N, C-alpha and C. Protein backbone atom coordinates (compact mmCIF):
# COMPACT_ATOMS: atom_id res chain seq x y z
N MET A 1 22.83 53.27 5.42
CA MET A 1 21.40 53.37 5.34
C MET A 1 20.78 52.19 6.11
N THR A 2 19.84 52.46 6.97
CA THR A 2 19.22 51.41 7.76
C THR A 2 18.22 50.64 6.90
N PRO A 3 17.86 49.44 7.34
CA PRO A 3 16.86 48.69 6.57
C PRO A 3 15.54 49.46 6.44
N TYR A 4 15.14 50.17 7.49
CA TYR A 4 13.91 50.95 7.43
C TYR A 4 14.02 52.06 6.39
N GLU A 5 15.17 52.74 6.35
CA GLU A 5 15.36 53.82 5.37
C GLU A 5 15.34 53.27 3.95
N ARG A 6 15.94 52.09 3.75
CA ARG A 6 15.93 51.49 2.42
C ARG A 6 14.50 51.15 2.00
N LEU A 7 13.71 50.61 2.94
CA LEU A 7 12.33 50.28 2.63
C LEU A 7 11.52 51.53 2.32
N MET A 8 11.72 52.59 3.07
CA MET A 8 10.97 53.81 2.87
C MET A 8 11.42 54.59 1.63
N ALA A 9 12.59 54.24 1.08
CA ALA A 9 13.08 54.91 -0.12
C ALA A 9 12.25 54.55 -1.35
N GLU A 10 11.44 53.52 -1.25
CA GLU A 10 10.61 53.09 -2.36
C GLU A 10 9.19 53.59 -2.17
N GLY A 11 8.67 54.28 -3.16
CA GLY A 11 7.28 54.71 -3.12
C GLY A 11 6.36 53.51 -3.27
N ILE A 12 6.65 52.68 -4.24
CA ILE A 12 5.96 51.41 -4.45
C ILE A 12 7.03 50.34 -4.37
N PRO A 13 6.90 49.38 -3.45
CA PRO A 13 7.95 48.37 -3.29
C PRO A 13 8.20 47.58 -4.57
N THR A 14 9.44 47.61 -5.01
CA THR A 14 9.83 46.85 -6.21
C THR A 14 10.92 45.84 -5.91
N GLY A 15 11.40 45.82 -4.66
CA GLY A 15 12.45 44.89 -4.31
C GLY A 15 13.84 45.42 -4.61
N THR A 16 13.95 46.65 -5.10
CA THR A 16 15.27 47.20 -5.42
C THR A 16 15.82 48.04 -4.27
N PHE A 17 15.04 48.28 -3.23
CA PHE A 17 15.45 49.06 -2.06
C PHE A 17 15.98 50.43 -2.45
N GLY A 18 15.28 51.08 -3.36
CA GLY A 18 15.63 52.44 -3.74
C GLY A 18 16.68 52.56 -4.82
N GLY A 19 17.37 51.48 -5.14
CA GLY A 19 18.41 51.53 -6.15
C GLY A 19 17.85 51.25 -7.53
N PRO A 20 18.52 51.72 -8.58
CA PRO A 20 18.02 51.47 -9.93
C PRO A 20 18.25 50.02 -10.35
N ARG A 21 17.41 49.54 -11.22
CA ARG A 21 17.58 48.20 -11.76
C ARG A 21 18.62 48.24 -12.87
N THR A 22 19.40 47.20 -12.94
CA THR A 22 20.38 47.09 -14.03
C THR A 22 19.70 46.45 -15.23
N GLU A 23 20.32 46.55 -16.38
CA GLU A 23 19.75 45.99 -17.60
C GLU A 23 19.57 44.47 -17.50
N SER A 24 20.46 43.78 -16.76
CA SER A 24 20.35 42.33 -16.65
C SER A 24 19.14 41.93 -15.81
N GLU A 25 18.63 42.82 -14.95
CA GLU A 25 17.48 42.50 -14.11
C GLU A 25 16.15 42.73 -14.81
N VAL A 26 16.16 43.51 -15.87
CA VAL A 26 14.92 43.82 -16.58
C VAL A 26 14.58 42.65 -17.50
N ARG A 27 13.36 42.09 -17.33
CA ARG A 27 12.94 40.95 -18.13
C ARG A 27 11.81 41.39 -19.07
N PRO A 28 11.78 40.83 -20.24
CA PRO A 28 10.65 41.14 -21.13
C PRO A 28 9.39 40.48 -20.57
N PRO A 29 8.23 41.04 -20.85
CA PRO A 29 6.99 40.43 -20.35
C PRO A 29 6.79 39.03 -20.92
N ALA A 30 6.21 38.16 -20.14
CA ALA A 30 5.96 36.79 -20.59
C ALA A 30 4.87 36.79 -21.65
N ALA A 31 4.99 35.88 -22.59
CA ALA A 31 3.99 35.76 -23.65
C ALA A 31 2.69 35.25 -23.05
N ALA A 32 1.58 35.76 -23.52
CA ALA A 32 0.27 35.35 -23.01
C ALA A 32 -0.03 33.92 -23.44
N SER A 33 -0.64 33.16 -22.56
CA SER A 33 -1.04 31.79 -22.87
C SER A 33 -2.41 31.80 -23.52
N THR A 34 -2.61 30.84 -24.40
CA THR A 34 -3.94 30.70 -25.00
C THR A 34 -4.85 29.97 -24.03
N ALA A 35 -6.14 30.03 -24.29
CA ALA A 35 -7.11 29.36 -23.41
C ALA A 35 -6.88 27.86 -23.38
N SER A 36 -6.52 27.27 -24.51
CA SER A 36 -6.29 25.82 -24.54
C SER A 36 -5.03 25.44 -23.76
N GLN A 37 -3.98 26.28 -23.79
CA GLN A 37 -2.79 26.02 -23.00
C GLN A 37 -3.10 26.12 -21.50
N GLN A 38 -3.88 27.12 -21.12
CA GLN A 38 -4.26 27.27 -19.72
C GLN A 38 -5.09 26.08 -19.26
N ALA A 39 -6.01 25.63 -20.10
CA ALA A 39 -6.85 24.49 -19.74
C ALA A 39 -6.02 23.22 -19.59
N ALA A 40 -5.03 23.04 -20.47
CA ALA A 40 -4.17 21.86 -20.39
C ALA A 40 -3.34 21.89 -19.11
N ARG A 41 -2.82 23.06 -18.75
CA ARG A 41 -2.04 23.16 -17.51
C ARG A 41 -2.92 22.90 -16.29
N ARG A 42 -4.15 23.45 -16.32
CA ARG A 42 -5.08 23.25 -15.21
C ARG A 42 -5.44 21.77 -15.06
N ALA A 43 -5.69 21.10 -16.19
CA ALA A 43 -6.03 19.68 -16.16
C ALA A 43 -4.86 18.85 -15.60
N ALA A 44 -3.65 19.18 -16.01
CA ALA A 44 -2.47 18.45 -15.51
C ALA A 44 -2.31 18.67 -14.00
N LEU A 45 -2.54 19.89 -13.55
CA LEU A 45 -2.42 20.18 -12.12
C LEU A 45 -3.49 19.44 -11.33
N GLU A 46 -4.73 19.47 -11.80
CA GLU A 46 -5.81 18.77 -11.10
C GLU A 46 -5.59 17.26 -11.07
N GLU A 47 -5.06 16.72 -12.16
CA GLU A 47 -4.77 15.29 -12.20
C GLU A 47 -3.68 14.93 -11.20
N ALA A 48 -2.67 15.77 -11.10
CA ALA A 48 -1.57 15.50 -10.17
C ALA A 48 -2.03 15.60 -8.72
N GLN A 49 -3.00 16.47 -8.45
CA GLN A 49 -3.46 16.66 -7.07
C GLN A 49 -4.59 15.73 -6.68
N HIS A 50 -5.24 15.08 -7.64
CA HIS A 50 -6.39 14.25 -7.35
C HIS A 50 -6.02 13.09 -6.43
N GLY A 51 -6.72 12.99 -5.32
CA GLY A 51 -6.52 11.87 -4.41
C GLY A 51 -5.25 11.94 -3.57
N TRP A 52 -4.51 13.02 -3.67
CA TRP A 52 -3.26 13.12 -2.93
C TRP A 52 -3.55 13.40 -1.47
N ARG A 53 -2.93 12.66 -0.60
CA ARG A 53 -3.09 12.83 0.84
C ARG A 53 -1.74 12.68 1.52
N LEU A 54 -1.58 13.41 2.60
CA LEU A 54 -0.40 13.19 3.43
C LEU A 54 -0.61 11.89 4.19
N PRO A 55 0.39 11.06 4.28
CA PRO A 55 0.19 9.73 4.86
C PRO A 55 0.24 9.68 6.39
N ASP A 56 0.45 10.78 7.05
CA ASP A 56 0.63 10.70 8.50
C ASP A 56 -0.69 10.82 9.26
N GLU A 57 -0.69 10.33 10.49
CA GLU A 57 -1.90 10.31 11.32
C GLU A 57 -2.34 11.72 11.69
N ARG A 58 -1.40 12.61 11.92
CA ARG A 58 -1.75 13.97 12.32
C ARG A 58 -2.58 14.66 11.25
N SER A 59 -2.20 14.50 9.99
CA SER A 59 -2.95 15.10 8.89
C SER A 59 -4.36 14.52 8.82
N GLU A 60 -4.48 13.22 9.04
CA GLU A 60 -5.80 12.60 9.04
C GLU A 60 -6.66 13.16 10.16
N ARG A 61 -6.08 13.33 11.34
CA ARG A 61 -6.84 13.90 12.47
C ARG A 61 -7.28 15.33 12.15
N ASN A 62 -6.39 16.12 11.55
CA ASN A 62 -6.74 17.49 11.20
C ASN A 62 -7.88 17.53 10.19
N ARG A 63 -7.81 16.67 9.17
CA ARG A 63 -8.88 16.62 8.18
C ARG A 63 -10.20 16.22 8.82
N GLU A 64 -10.16 15.25 9.71
CA GLU A 64 -11.38 14.81 10.39
C GLU A 64 -11.94 15.92 11.27
N ARG A 65 -11.08 16.66 11.94
CA ARG A 65 -11.53 17.76 12.79
C ARG A 65 -12.21 18.84 11.94
N VAL A 66 -11.65 19.14 10.78
CA VAL A 66 -12.24 20.14 9.89
C VAL A 66 -13.59 19.65 9.38
N ARG A 67 -13.68 18.37 9.00
CA ARG A 67 -14.95 17.81 8.55
C ARG A 67 -16.01 17.90 9.64
N GLU A 68 -15.63 17.55 10.88
CA GLU A 68 -16.58 17.61 12.00
C GLU A 68 -17.03 19.04 12.25
N ALA A 69 -16.13 19.99 12.16
CA ALA A 69 -16.48 21.39 12.39
C ALA A 69 -17.45 21.88 11.32
N LYS A 70 -17.24 21.45 10.08
CA LYS A 70 -18.15 21.85 9.00
C LYS A 70 -19.53 21.24 9.21
N ARG A 71 -19.57 19.97 9.63
CA ARG A 71 -20.85 19.31 9.87
C ARG A 71 -21.60 19.98 11.02
N ALA A 72 -20.88 20.32 12.07
CA ALA A 72 -21.52 20.93 13.24
C ALA A 72 -22.01 22.34 12.92
N ALA A 73 -21.32 23.04 12.05
CA ALA A 73 -21.68 24.43 11.74
C ALA A 73 -22.84 24.50 10.76
N ARG A 74 -23.04 23.49 9.95
CA ARG A 74 -24.06 23.54 8.91
C ARG A 74 -25.48 23.75 9.44
N PRO A 75 -25.93 22.98 10.43
CA PRO A 75 -27.32 23.15 10.85
C PRO A 75 -27.62 24.52 11.47
N ARG A 76 -26.63 25.17 12.03
CA ARG A 76 -26.86 26.44 12.68
C ARG A 76 -26.89 27.61 11.71
N HIS A 77 -26.51 27.38 10.47
CA HIS A 77 -26.41 28.49 9.53
C HIS A 77 -27.77 29.09 9.21
N LEU A 78 -28.68 28.29 8.73
CA LEU A 78 -30.04 28.75 8.40
C LEU A 78 -31.03 27.72 8.92
N ARG A 79 -32.21 28.18 9.27
CA ARG A 79 -33.26 27.25 9.64
C ARG A 79 -34.58 27.80 9.15
N ILE A 80 -35.50 26.92 8.84
CA ILE A 80 -36.80 27.32 8.33
C ILE A 80 -37.74 27.50 9.51
N VAL A 81 -38.43 28.62 9.52
CA VAL A 81 -39.39 28.92 10.57
C VAL A 81 -40.77 28.93 9.92
N ARG A 82 -41.65 28.14 10.46
CA ARG A 82 -43.00 28.05 9.89
C ARG A 82 -43.78 29.30 10.25
N ASP A 83 -44.51 29.84 9.26
CA ASP A 83 -45.30 31.04 9.46
C ASP A 83 -46.75 30.73 9.09
N ASP A 84 -47.58 30.50 10.09
CA ASP A 84 -48.98 30.16 9.85
C ASP A 84 -49.89 31.37 9.71
N THR A 85 -49.38 32.56 9.88
CA THR A 85 -50.22 33.75 9.82
C THR A 85 -50.68 34.08 8.41
N HIS A 86 -49.96 33.63 7.40
CA HIS A 86 -50.31 33.96 6.02
C HIS A 86 -50.77 32.71 5.26
N ALA A 87 -51.41 31.80 5.92
CA ALA A 87 -51.88 30.57 5.26
C ALA A 87 -52.98 30.91 4.26
N ALA A 88 -52.95 30.26 3.14
CA ALA A 88 -53.92 30.56 2.08
C ALA A 88 -55.19 29.78 2.26
């Protein structure tokens, strides 16, 4: 069977390439997290990422280029046009 035939053997891709799953591959659904557990994980992730930067010059140049592009694009987005025809 060619790789294309294996891929097309699946109506919805499940990664089994048309073959049945064995009992060892079937996992029970994960238990749902509570809102407080999710918030704690989110806080830990944000704390770990806060202030993190790649130390190389190339990354700094890329960040500066993105900042400059955002600054240059901002004024062109919207502008106020004065309309004196409806003055009160």
